Amino acid sequence: MSLKLGFVGIGRMGKPMAGHLLDAGYDLTVFDPNKSAVEALVAKGAKAAESPKAVGDEAELILMSLPTPDVVTEAATGAEGISKGSKARAVIDLSTTGPTAARALAEGLKADGLGCVDSPVSGGVAGAEKGTLTLMTACTDELFAEVEPILKLFGKVTHVGQEAGQAQLIKVINNLMSVTALAIASEGIVLAEKAGVSGETLMNVVNQGSGRSNASEDKIPKYVLSRKFDFGFALGLSAKDVRLCIAESEALGVPMIVGSAAKMLMGIAHTQQGPDADLTELIKSVERLANVEQAS
């Protein structure tokens, strides 16, 4: 394809998404400090760059999948950022940074003459690998018409608005709702276990009734009851997403009582398990508080 793309951030999410672009035939230039991740994509036909700016010197549209707002800002508009590249004209941010950071990013890119596509994703590593992610995208109609065919390679795309930050708001609300479902399911399992009812029995009944959720139907059976804890999303990153949502609610004066309770439990788990623990290890902190050694 004649359109040249770039990708900055070849992590667990970025690597498979970049792979889909190569499979579709796009000319792709990539950057990540992790050289082995870059080399794997170079073996598939990508070109390696030495900095985000170097990606911007080669590509017109550059996608980013990065862990935190600060890293996103530096990669996009820093001294060696994408916006300093000679060919870059728009950035597609697939990261989760929150509405405030997304608005600031759009302003920074605009100052350097670049467009911004706010397009966080949901669906985890498995969704990235399969191309079944959910993408919420905010940008102008004109820019959306150009990037939609690219984003569709990753999954289902919904144009949620014209302004940067609108997609991020939906994403952090989604993530808070997801974590809250996991938290209450984890507490329910520990309660059942301590009362002599297996977690598996509880989930079998719940999933036939009104208490079912993505957590009870997917995360709990696959990653918690199995004790594998390999869902593939770090507890620290999830805690960051929850904080971003609560911060936005506080800025807008919207009380989130249940969400704040989930944030508290996430904070405990983050302290006890560490930021690199799998999100599904949240239940370990509930077990510790309840003096339940192991949910089977």
C-alpha atoms as a PDB file:
ATOM      1  CA  MET A   1       0.000   0.000   0.000  1.00  0.00           C
ATOM      2  CA  SER A   2       1.227   3.519  -0.807  1.00  0.00           C
ATOM      3  CA  LEU A   3       0.281   5.011   2.588  1.00  0.00           C
ATOM      4  CA  LYS A   4       3.254   4.865   4.941  1.00  0.00           C
ATOM      5  CA  LEU A   5       2.481   4.086   8.567  1.00  0.00           C
ATOM      6  CA  GLY A   6       4.493   4.188  11.750  1.00  0.00           C
ATOM      7  CA  PHE A   7       4.086   2.443  15.098  1.00  0.00           C
ATOM      8  CA  VAL A   8       5.620   3.562  18.393  1.00  0.00           C
ATOM      9  CA  GLY A   9       5.309   1.163  21.313  1.00  0.00           C
ATOM     10  CA  ILE A  10       5.852  -2.494  20.451  1.00  0.00           C
ATOM     11  CA  GLY A  11       4.635  -4.007  23.701  1.00  0.00           C
ATOM     12  CA  ARG A  12       2.192  -6.815  24.413  1.00  0.00           C
ATOM     13  CA  MET A  13      -0.615  -4.897  22.708  1.00  0.00           C
ATOM     14  CA  GLY A  14       1.397  -2.979  20.139  1.00  0.00           C
ATOM     15  CA  LYS A  15       3.298  -5.916  18.718  1.00  0.00           C
ATOM     16  CA  PRO A  16       0.284  -7.913  17.476  1.00  0.00           C
ATOM     17  CA  MET A  17      -1.442  -4.759  16.225  1.00  0.00           C
ATOM     18  CA  ALA A  18       1.649  -3.772  14.261  1.00  0.00           C
ATOM     19  CA  GLY A  19       1.720  -7.326  12.916  1.00  0.00           C
ATOM     20  CA  HIS A  20      -1.808  -6.898  11.527  1.00  0.00           C
ATOM     21  CA  LEU A  21      -0.659  -3.806   9.626  1.00  0.00           C
ATOM     22  CA  LEU A  22       2.195  -5.759   8.068  1.00  0.00           C
ATOM     23  CA  ASP A  23      -0.113  -8.634   7.196  1.00  0.00           C
ATOM     24  CA  ALA A  24      -2.374  -6.135   5.409  1.00  0.00           C
ATOM     25  CA  GLY A  25       0.536  -4.965   3.277  1.00  0.00           C
ATOM     26  CA  TYR A  26       1.257  -1.572   4.811  1.00  0.00           C
ATOM     27  CA  ASP A  27       4.708   0.007   4.645  1.00  0.00           C
ATOM     28  CA  LEU A  28       5.488   0.182   8.385  1.00  0.00           C
ATOM     29  CA  THR A  29       8.261   1.865  10.381  1.00  0.00           C
ATOM     30  CA  VAL A  30       8.475   0.988  14.079  1.00  0.00           C
ATOM     31  CA  PHE A  31      10.204   2.153  17.238  1.00  0.00           C
ATOM     32  CA  ASP A  32      10.493   0.765  20.743  1.00  0.00           C
ATOM     33  CA  PRO A  33      13.357   0.780  23.281  1.00  0.00           C
ATOM     34  CA  ASN A  34      12.952  -3.020  23.394  1.00  0.00           C
ATOM     35  CA  LYS A  35      15.138  -4.026  20.471  1.00  0.00           C
ATOM     36  CA  SER A  36      14.019  -7.655  20.457  1.00  0.00           C
ATOM     37  CA  ALA A  37      10.388  -6.608  19.935  1.00  0.00           C
ATOM     38  CA  VAL A  38      11.437  -4.414  17.027  1.00  0.00           C
ATOM     39  CA  GLU A  39      13.572  -7.170  15.516  1.00  0.00           C
ATOM     40  CA  ALA A  40      10.599  -9.552  15.495  1.00  0.00           C
ATOM     41  CA  LEU A  41       8.625  -7.080  13.369  1.00  0.00           C
ATOM     42  CA  VAL A  42      11.608  -6.303  11.140  1.00  0.00           C
ATOM     43  CA  ALA A  43      11.728 -10.022  10.370  1.00  0.00           C
ATOM     44  CA  LYS A  44       8.138  -9.663   9.119  1.00  0.00           C
ATOM     45  CA  GLY A  45       8.986  -6.705   6.882  1.00  0.00           C
ATOM     46  CA  ALA A  46       8.903  -3.608   9.102  1.00  0.00           C
ATOM     47  CA  LYS A  47      11.614  -0.934   9.098  1.00  0.00           C
ATOM     48  CA  ALA A  48      13.294  -0.042  12.379  1.00  0.00           C
ATOM     49  CA  ALA A  49      13.719   3.558  13.519  1.00  0.00           C
ATOM     50  CA  GLU A  50      16.005   4.961  16.210  1.00  0.00           C
ATOM     51  CA  SER A  51      13.466   7.346  17.757  1.00  0.00           C
ATOM     52  CA  PRO A  52       9.845   8.463  17.510  1.00  0.00           C
ATOM     53  CA  LYS A  53      11.056  11.446  15.457  1.00  0.00           C
ATOM     54  CA  ALA A  54      12.704   9.046  13.027  1.00  0.00           C
ATOM     55  CA  VAL A  55       9.361   7.300  12.642  1.00  0.00           C
ATOM     56  CA  GLY A  56       7.822  10.687  11.869  1.00  0.00           C
ATOM     57  CA  ASP A  57      10.481  11.230   9.224  1.00  0.00           C
ATOM     58  CA  GLU A  58       9.327   8.071   7.422  1.00  0.00           C
ATOM     59  CA  ALA A  59       5.576   7.811   7.977  1.00  0.00           C
ATOM     60  CA  GLU A  60       2.492   9.981   7.472  1.00  0.00           C
ATOM     61  CA  LEU A  61       0.226   8.384  10.064  1.00  0.00           C
ATOM     62  CA  ILE A  62       1.795   7.081  13.251  1.00  0.00           C
ATOM     63  CA  LEU A  63       0.073   4.817  15.774  1.00  0.00           C
ATOM     64  CA  MET A  64       1.094   4.741  19.440  1.00  0.00           C
ATOM     65  CA  SER A  65       0.461   2.075  22.069  1.00  0.00           C
ATOM     66  CA  LEU A  66       2.209   3.216  25.238  1.00  0.00           C
ATOM     67  CA  PRO A  67       1.720   2.681  28.998  1.00  0.00           C
ATOM     68  CA  THR A  68       1.324   6.112  30.630  1.00  0.00           C
ATOM     69  CA  PRO A  69       0.362   9.715  29.769  1.00  0.00           C
ATOM     70  CA  ASP A  70       3.902  10.998  30.347  1.00  0.00           C
ATOM     71  CA  VAL A  71       5.397   8.438  27.977  1.00  0.00           C
ATOM     72  CA  VAL A  72       2.740   9.219  25.371  1.00  0.00           C
ATOM     73  CA  THR A  73       3.423  12.964  25.565  1.00  0.00           C
ATOM     74  CA  GLU A  74       7.185  12.530  25.272  1.00  0.00           C
ATOM     75  CA  ALA A  75       6.893  10.156  22.319  1.00  0.00           C
ATOM     76  CA  ALA A  76       4.440  12.395  20.509  1.00  0.00           C
ATOM     77  CA  THR A  77       5.648  15.945  21.104  1.00  0.00           C
ATOM     78  CA  GLY A  78       8.978  15.707  22.951  1.00  0.00           C
ATOM     79  CA  ALA A  79      12.295  16.924  21.558  1.00  0.00           C
ATOM     80  CA  GLU A  80      12.679  13.623  19.693  1.00  0.00           C
ATOM     81  CA  GLY A  81       8.944  13.105  19.322  1.00  0.00           C
ATOM     82  CA  ILE A  82       6.848  12.090  16.351  1.00  0.00           C
ATOM     83  CA  SER A  83       5.659  15.637  15.704  1.00  0.00           C
ATOM     84  CA  LYS A  84       9.226  16.726  14.989  1.00  0.00           C
ATOM     85  CA  GLY A  85       9.394  14.322  12.037  1.00  0.00           C
ATOM     86  CA  SER A  86       9.293  15.724   8.515  1.00  0.00           C
ATOM     87  CA  LYS A  87       6.490  13.531   7.106  1.00  0.00           C
ATOM     88  CA  ALA A  88       4.163  12.965  10.054  1.00  0.00           C
ATOM     89  CA  ARG A  89       0.740  14.596   9.684  1.00  0.00           C
ATOM     90  CA  ALA A  90      -1.382  12.752  12.254  1.00  0.00           C
ATOM     91  CA  VAL A  91      -1.014  10.554  15.332  1.00  0.00           C
ATOM     92  CA  ILE A  92      -3.376   7.729  16.262  1.00  0.00           C
ATOM     93  CA  ASP A  93      -3.126   7.158  20.007  1.00  0.00           C
ATOM     94  CA  LEU A  94      -4.256   3.661  21.002  1.00  0.00           C
ATOM     95  CA  SER A  95      -3.049   4.112  24.605  1.00  0.00           C
ATOM     96  CA  THR A  96      -5.201   4.689  27.679  1.00  0.00           C
ATOM     97  CA  THR A  97      -4.263   8.099  29.086  1.00  0.00           C
ATOM     98  CA  GLY A  98      -7.537   9.618  30.287  1.00  0.00           C
ATOM     99  CA  PRO A  99      -9.497  12.573  28.888  1.00  0.00           C
ATOM    100  CA  THR A 100      -7.335  15.365  30.313  1.00  0.00           C
ATOM    101  CA  ALA A 101      -4.113  13.963  28.868  1.00  0.00           C
ATOM    102  CA  ALA A 102      -5.803  13.286  25.524  1.00  0.00           C
ATOM    103  CA  ARG A 103      -6.944  16.877  25.225  1.00  0.00           C
ATOM    104  CA  ALA A 104      -3.458  18.119  26.086  1.00  0.00           C
ATOM    105  CA  LEU A 105      -1.937  15.741  23.540  1.00  0.00           C
ATOM    106  CA  ALA A 106      -4.253  17.015  20.805  1.00  0.00           C
ATOM    107  CA  GLU A 107      -3.317  20.609  21.607  1.00  0.00           C
ATOM    108  CA  GLY A 108       0.388  19.787  21.552  1.00  0.00           C
ATOM    109  CA  LEU A 109       0.098  18.015  18.212  1.00  0.00           C
ATOM    110  CA  LYS A 110      -2.008  20.843  16.772  1.00  0.00           C
ATOM    111  CA  ALA A 111       0.694  23.330  17.736  1.00  0.00           C
ATOM    112  CA  ASP A 112       3.137  21.292  15.639  1.00  0.00           C
ATOM    113  CA  GLY A 113       0.674  21.060  12.755  1.00  0.00           C
ATOM    114  CA  LEU A 114      -0.483  17.462  13.271  1.00  0.00           C
ATOM    115  CA  GLY A 115      -3.916  15.928  13.638  1.00  0.00           C
ATOM    116  CA  CYS A 116      -4.856  13.680  16.545  1.00  0.00           C
ATOM    117  CA  VAL A 117      -6.968  10.523  16.681  1.00  0.00           C
ATOM    118  CA  ASP A 118      -8.018   9.560  20.210  1.00  0.00           C
ATOM    119  CA  SER A 119      -8.598   5.810  19.885  1.00  0.00           C
ATOM    120  CA  PRO A 120      -8.069   3.657  22.987  1.00  0.00           C
ATOM    121  CA  VAL A 121      -8.764  -0.057  22.714  1.00  0.00           C
ATOM    122  CA  SER A 122     -10.430  -2.719  24.851  1.00  0.00           C
ATOM    123  CA  GLY A 123     -10.071  -6.484  24.662  1.00  0.00           C
ATOM    124  CA  GLY A 124      -6.664  -7.301  26.062  1.00  0.00           C
ATOM    125  CA  VAL A 125      -3.726  -9.087  24.504  1.00  0.00           C
ATOM    126  CA  ALA A 126      -5.921 -11.902  23.197  1.00  0.00           C
ATOM    127  CA  GLY A 127      -8.097  -9.392  21.366  1.00  0.00           C
ATOM    128  CA  ALA A 128      -5.040  -7.670  19.923  1.00  0.00           C
ATOM    129  CA  GLU A 129      -3.692 -10.980  18.651  1.00  0.00           C
ATOM    130  CA  LYS A 130      -7.007 -12.088  17.133  1.00  0.00           C
ATOM    131  CA  GLY A 131      -7.959  -8.695  15.717  1.00  0.00           C
ATOM    132  CA  THR A 132     -11.137  -8.610  17.820  1.00  0.00           C
ATOM    133  CA  LEU A 133     -10.527  -5.487  19.912  1.00  0.00           C
ATOM    134  CA  THR A 134     -13.148  -2.854  20.591  1.00  0.00           C
ATOM    135  CA  LEU A 135     -11.945   0.583  19.495  1.00  0.00           C
ATOM    136  CA  MET A 136     -13.599   3.837  20.509  1.00  0.00           C
ATOM    137  CA  THR A 137     -12.417   6.683  18.296  1.00  0.00           C
ATOM    138  CA  ALA A 138     -12.741  10.459  18.577  1.00  0.00           C
ATOM    139  CA  CYS A 139     -11.538  12.765  15.791  1.00  0.00           C
ATOM    140  CA  THR A 140     -12.885  14.839  12.934  1.00  0.00           C
ATOM    141  CA  ASP A 141     -15.077  13.132  10.337  1.00  0.00           C
ATOM    142  CA  GLU A 142     -12.428  13.754   7.690  1.00  0.00           C
ATOM    143  CA  LEU A 143      -9.672  12.122   9.704  1.00  0.00           C
ATOM    144  CA  PHE A 144     -11.911   9.243  10.751  1.00  0.00           C
ATOM    145  CA  ALA A 145     -12.682   8.434   7.114  1.00  0.00           C
ATOM    146  CA  GLU A 146      -8.951   8.047   6.509  1.00  0.00           C
ATOM    147  CA  VAL A 147      -8.042   6.011   9.587  1.00  0.00           C
ATOM    148  CA  GLU A 148     -11.107   3.760   9.866  1.00  0.00           C
ATOM    149  CA  PRO A 149      -9.802   1.152   7.357  1.00  0.00           C
ATOM    150  CA  ILE A 150      -6.573   0.947   9.370  1.00  0.00           C
ATOM    151  CA  LEU A 151      -8.300   0.623  12.729  1.00  0.00           C
ATOM    152  CA  LYS A 152     -10.679  -2.033  11.419  1.00  0.00           C
ATOM    153  CA  LEU A 153      -7.692  -4.370  11.135  1.00  0.00           C
ATOM    154  CA  PHE A 154      -7.652  -4.449  14.942  1.00  0.00           C
ATOM    155  CA  GLY A 155     -11.361  -5.048  15.573  1.00  0.00           C
ATOM    156  CA  LYS A 156     -14.688  -3.218  15.777  1.00  0.00           C
ATOM    157  CA  VAL A 157     -14.461   0.574  15.505  1.00  0.00           C
ATOM    158  CA  THR A 158     -17.008   3.105  16.796  1.00  0.00           C
ATOM    159  CA  HIS A 159     -16.690   6.829  16.047  1.00  0.00           C
ATOM    160  CA  VAL A 160     -17.758   8.297  19.385  1.00  0.00           C
ATOM    161  CA  GLY A 161     -17.156  12.001  18.825  1.00  0.00           C
ATOM    162  CA  GLN A 162     -15.209  14.815  17.229  1.00  0.00           C
ATOM    163  CA  GLU A 163     -13.028  15.910  20.158  1.00  0.00           C
ATOM    164  CA  ALA A 164      -9.971  14.303  21.720  1.00  0.00           C
ATOM    165  CA  GLY A 165     -10.766  13.003  25.202  1.00  0.00           C
ATOM    166  CA  GLN A 166     -14.244  11.739  24.377  1.00  0.00           C
ATOM    167  CA  ALA A 167     -12.986   8.263  23.499  1.00  0.00           C
ATOM    168  CA  GLN A 168     -10.702   8.234  26.534  1.00  0.00           C
ATOM    169  CA  LEU A 169     -13.646   9.013  28.804  1.00  0.00           C
ATOM    170  CA  ILE A 170     -15.565   6.023  27.473  1.00  0.00           C
ATOM    171  CA  LYS A 171     -12.481   3.822  27.819  1.00  0.00           C
ATOM    172  CA  VAL A 172     -11.765   4.634  31.465  1.00  0.00           C
ATOM    173  CA  ILE A 173     -15.439   4.231  32.377  1.00  0.00           C
ATOM    174  CA  ASN A 174     -15.416   0.839  30.653  1.00  0.00           C
ATOM    175  CA  ASN A 175     -12.266  -0.194  32.495  1.00  0.00           C
ATOM    176  CA  LEU A 176     -13.623   0.890  35.859  1.00  0.00           C
ATOM    177  CA  MET A 177     -16.831  -1.067  35.254  1.00  0.00           C
ATOM    178  CA  SER A 178     -14.776  -4.106  34.234  1.00  0.00           C
ATOM    179  CA  VAL A 179     -12.533  -3.930  37.305  1.00  0.00           C
ATOM    180  CA  THR A 180     -15.547  -3.441  39.572  1.00  0.00           C
ATOM    181  CA  ALA A 181     -17.110  -6.620  38.166  1.00  0.00           C
ATOM    182  CA  LEU A 182     -13.868  -8.512  38.769  1.00  0.00           C
ATOM    183  CA  ALA A 183     -13.576  -7.128  42.294  1.00  0.00           C
ATOM    184  CA  ILE A 184     -17.095  -8.123  43.390  1.00  0.00           C
ATOM    185  CA  ALA A 185     -16.779 -11.538  41.743  1.00  0.00           C
ATOM    186  CA  SER A 186     -13.495 -12.079  43.605  1.00  0.00           C
ATOM    187  CA  GLU A 187     -15.087 -11.091  46.912  1.00  0.00           C
ATOM    188  CA  GLY A 188     -18.021 -13.400  46.216  1.00  0.00           C
ATOM    189  CA  ILE A 189     -15.718 -16.341  45.548  1.00  0.00           C
ATOM    190  CA  VAL A 190     -13.759 -15.785  48.752  1.00  0.00           C
ATOM    191  CA  LEU A 191     -16.993 -15.531  50.761  1.00  0.00           C
ATOM    192  CA  ALA A 192     -18.291 -18.749  49.213  1.00  0.00           C
ATOM    193  CA  GLU A 193     -14.991 -20.569  49.787  1.00  0.00           C
ATOM    194  CA  LYS A 194     -14.901 -19.575  53.437  1.00  0.00           C
ATOM    195  CA  ALA A 195     -18.460 -20.840  53.845  1.00  0.00           C
ATOM    196  CA  GLY A 196     -17.533 -24.180  52.295  1.00  0.00           C
ATOM    197  CA  VAL A 197     -18.943 -23.598  48.789  1.00  0.00           C
ATOM    198  CA  SER A 198     -16.487 -23.919  45.910  1.00  0.00           C
ATOM    199  CA  GLY A 199     -15.811 -20.939  43.708  1.00  0.00           C
ATOM    200  CA  GLU A 200     -16.545 -23.082  40.669  1.00  0.00           C
ATOM    201  CA  THR A 201     -20.007 -23.952  41.997  1.00  0.00           C
ATOM    202  CA  LEU A 202     -20.722 -20.295  42.726  1.00  0.00           C
ATOM    203  CA  MET A 203     -19.692 -19.200  39.224  1.00  0.00           C
ATOM    204  CA  ASN A 204     -21.726 -21.981  37.587  1.00  0.00           C
ATOM    205  CA  VAL A 205     -24.862 -20.685  39.307  1.00  0.00           C
ATOM    206  CA  VAL A 206     -24.067 -16.991  38.870  1.00  0.00           C
ATOM    207  CA  ASN A 207     -23.482 -17.460  35.150  1.00  0.00           C
ATOM    208  CA  GLN A 208     -26.990 -18.856  34.790  1.00  0.00           C
ATOM    209  CA  GLY A 209     -28.476 -15.936  36.703  1.00  0.00           C
ATOM    210  CA  SER A 210     -28.540 -12.161  36.899  1.00  0.00           C
ATOM    211  CA  GLY A 211     -25.122 -11.757  38.525  1.00  0.00           C
ATOM    212  CA  ARG A 212     -23.127 -12.839  35.485  1.00  0.00           C
ATOM    213  CA  SER A 213     -20.566 -10.531  33.896  1.00  0.00           C
ATOM    214  CA  ASN A 214     -17.496 -10.726  31.706  1.00  0.00           C
ATOM    215  CA  ALA A 215     -15.541 -11.316  34.905  1.00  0.00           C
ATOM    216  CA  SER A 216     -17.670 -14.276  36.010  1.00  0.00           C
ATOM    217  CA  GLU A 217     -17.917 -15.764  32.533  1.00  0.00           C
ATOM    218  CA  ASP A 218     -14.338 -15.253  31.326  1.00  0.00           C
ATOM    219  CA  LYS A 219     -11.715 -13.895  33.727  1.00  0.00           C
ATOM    220  CA  ILE A 220     -12.709 -15.903  36.807  1.00  0.00           C
ATOM    221  CA  PRO A 221     -12.934 -19.374  35.184  1.00  0.00           C
ATOM    222  CA  LYS A 222      -9.893 -18.989  32.925  1.00  0.00           C
ATOM    223  CA  TYR A 223      -7.449 -17.097  35.095  1.00  0.00           C
ATOM    224  CA  VAL A 224      -8.593 -17.136  38.735  1.00  0.00           C
ATOM    225  CA  LEU A 225     -10.154 -20.525  39.486  1.00  0.00           C
ATOM    226  CA  SER A 226      -7.371 -22.123  37.434  1.00  0.00           C
ATOM    227  CA  ARG A 227      -4.837 -20.166  39.540  1.00  0.00           C
ATOM    228  CA  LYS A 228      -2.980 -19.340  36.308  1.00  0.00           C
ATOM    229  CA  PHE A 229      -3.320 -15.578  36.740  1.00  0.00           C
ATOM    230  CA  ASP A 230      -2.159 -14.954  33.189  1.00  0.00           C
ATOM    231  CA  PHE A 231      -4.883 -12.717  31.758  1.00  0.00           C
ATOM    232  CA  GLY A 232      -2.097 -10.531  30.394  1.00  0.00           C
ATOM    233  CA  PHE A 233      -2.865  -7.078  31.817  1.00  0.00           C
ATOM    234  CA  ALA A 234      -0.729  -5.667  34.612  1.00  0.00           C
ATOM    235  CA  LEU A 235      -2.371  -4.723  37.881  1.00  0.00           C
ATOM    236  CA  GLY A 236      -0.432  -1.452  37.895  1.00  0.00           C
ATOM    237  CA  LEU A 237      -1.806  -0.411  34.521  1.00  0.00           C
ATOM    238  CA  SER A 238      -5.336  -1.303  35.571  1.00  0.00           C
ATOM    239  CA  ALA A 239      -4.951   0.721  38.775  1.00  0.00           C
ATOM    240  CA  LYS A 240      -3.804   3.650  36.611  1.00  0.00           C
ATOM    241  CA  ASP A 241      -6.936   3.403  34.461  1.00  0.00           C
ATOM    242  CA  VAL A 242      -9.163   3.342  37.545  1.00  0.00           C
ATOM    243  CA  ARG A 243      -7.424   6.427  38.966  1.00  0.00           C
ATOM    244  CA  LEU A 244      -7.914   8.260  35.654  1.00  0.00           C
ATOM    245  CA  CYS A 245     -11.655   7.580  35.712  1.00  0.00           C
ATOM    246  CA  ILE A 246     -12.106   8.655  39.331  1.00  0.00           C
ATOM    247  CA  ALA A 247     -10.031  11.794  38.690  1.00  0.00           C
ATOM    248  CA  GLU A 248     -12.300  12.740  35.793  1.00  0.00           C
ATOM    249  CA  SER A 249     -15.425  12.119  37.873  1.00  0.00           C
ATOM    250  CA  GLU A 250     -14.073  14.349  40.636  1.00  0.00           C
ATOM    251  CA  ALA A 251     -13.206  17.084  38.131  1.00  0.00           C
ATOM    252  CA  LEU A 252     -16.772  17.003  36.815  1.00  0.00           C
ATOM    253  CA  GLY A 253     -18.362  16.737  40.250  1.00  0.00           C
ATOM    254  CA  VAL A 254     -19.880  13.307  39.691  1.00  0.00           C
ATOM    255  CA  PRO A 255     -19.774  11.038  42.779  1.00  0.00           C
ATOM    256  CA  MET A 256     -18.632   7.476  42.073  1.00  0.00           C
ATOM    257  CA  ILE A 257     -19.197   5.665  45.361  1.00  0.00           C
ATOM    258  CA  VAL A 258     -18.920   2.111  44.027  1.00  0.00           C
ATOM    259  CA  GLY A 259     -16.081   3.083  41.728  1.00  0.00           C
ATOM    260  CA  SER A 260     -14.174   4.615  44.636  1.00  0.00           C
ATOM    261  CA  ALA A 261     -14.514   1.361  46.580  1.00  0.00           C
ATOM    262  CA  ALA A 262     -13.069  -0.543  43.616  1.00  0.00           C
ATOM    263  CA  LYS A 263     -10.225   1.984  43.483  1.00  0.00           C
ATOM    264  CA  MET A 264      -9.497   1.335  47.167  1.00  0.00           C
ATOM    265  CA  LEU A 265      -9.305  -2.424  46.663  1.00  0.00           C
ATOM    266  CA  MET A 266      -7.095  -1.912  43.606  1.00  0.00           C
ATOM    267  CA  GLY A 267      -4.786   0.237  45.721  1.00  0.00           C
ATOM    268  CA  ILE A 268      -4.479  -2.503  48.336  1.00  0.00           C
ATOM    269  CA  ALA A 269      -3.745  -5.119  45.685  1.00  0.00           C
ATOM    270  CA  HIS A 270      -1.255  -2.833  43.973  1.00  0.00           C
ATOM    271  CA  THR A 271       0.645  -2.428  47.242  1.00  0.00           C
ATOM    272  CA  GLN A 272       0.529  -6.119  48.177  1.00  0.00           C
ATOM    273  CA  GLN A 273       0.999  -7.789  44.795  1.00  0.00           C
ATOM    274  CA  GLY A 274       3.089  -5.156  43.021  1.00  0.00           C
ATOM    275  CA  PRO A 275       2.443  -3.292  39.746  1.00  0.00           C
ATOM    276  CA  ASP A 276       3.653  -6.132  37.523  1.00  0.00           C
ATOM    277  CA  ALA A 277       1.235  -8.694  38.954  1.00  0.00           C
ATOM    278  CA  ASP A 278      -1.583  -9.836  36.708  1.00  0.00           C
ATOM    279  CA  LEU A 279      -4.881  -7.990  37.152  1.00  0.00           C
ATOM    280  CA  THR A 280      -6.609 -11.245  38.089  1.00  0.00           C
ATOM    281  CA  GLU A 281      -4.324 -11.571  41.125  1.00  0.00           C
ATOM    282  CA  LEU A 282      -6.599  -8.990  42.724  1.00  0.00           C
ATOM    283  CA  ILE A 283      -8.324 -11.900  44.480  1.00  0.00           C
ATOM    284  CA  LYS A 284      -5.171 -12.671  46.472  1.00  0.00           C
ATOM    285  CA  SER A 285      -5.623  -9.499  48.489  1.00  0.00           C
ATOM    286  CA  VAL A 286      -9.242 -10.409  49.244  1.00  0.00           C
ATOM    287  CA  GLU A 287      -8.095 -13.875  50.332  1.00  0.00           C
ATOM    288  CA  ARG A 288      -5.497 -12.305  52.619  1.00  0.00           C
ATOM    289  CA  LEU A 289      -8.022  -9.966  54.205  1.00  0.00           C
ATOM    290  CA  ALA A 290     -10.454 -12.860  54.734  1.00  0.00           C
ATOM    291  CA  ASN A 291      -7.776 -15.313  55.898  1.00  0.00           C
ATOM    292  CA  VAL A 292      -8.654 -17.701  53.080  1.00  0.00           C
ATOM    293  CA  GLU A 293      -5.521 -19.437  51.853  1.00  0.00           C
ATOM    294  CA  GLN A 294      -6.619 -20.326  48.367  1.00  0.00           C
ATOM    295  CA  ALA A 295      -9.744 -20.194  46.233  1.00  0.00           C
ATOM    296  CA  SER A 296      -9.840 -23.476  44.326  1.00  0.00           C
END
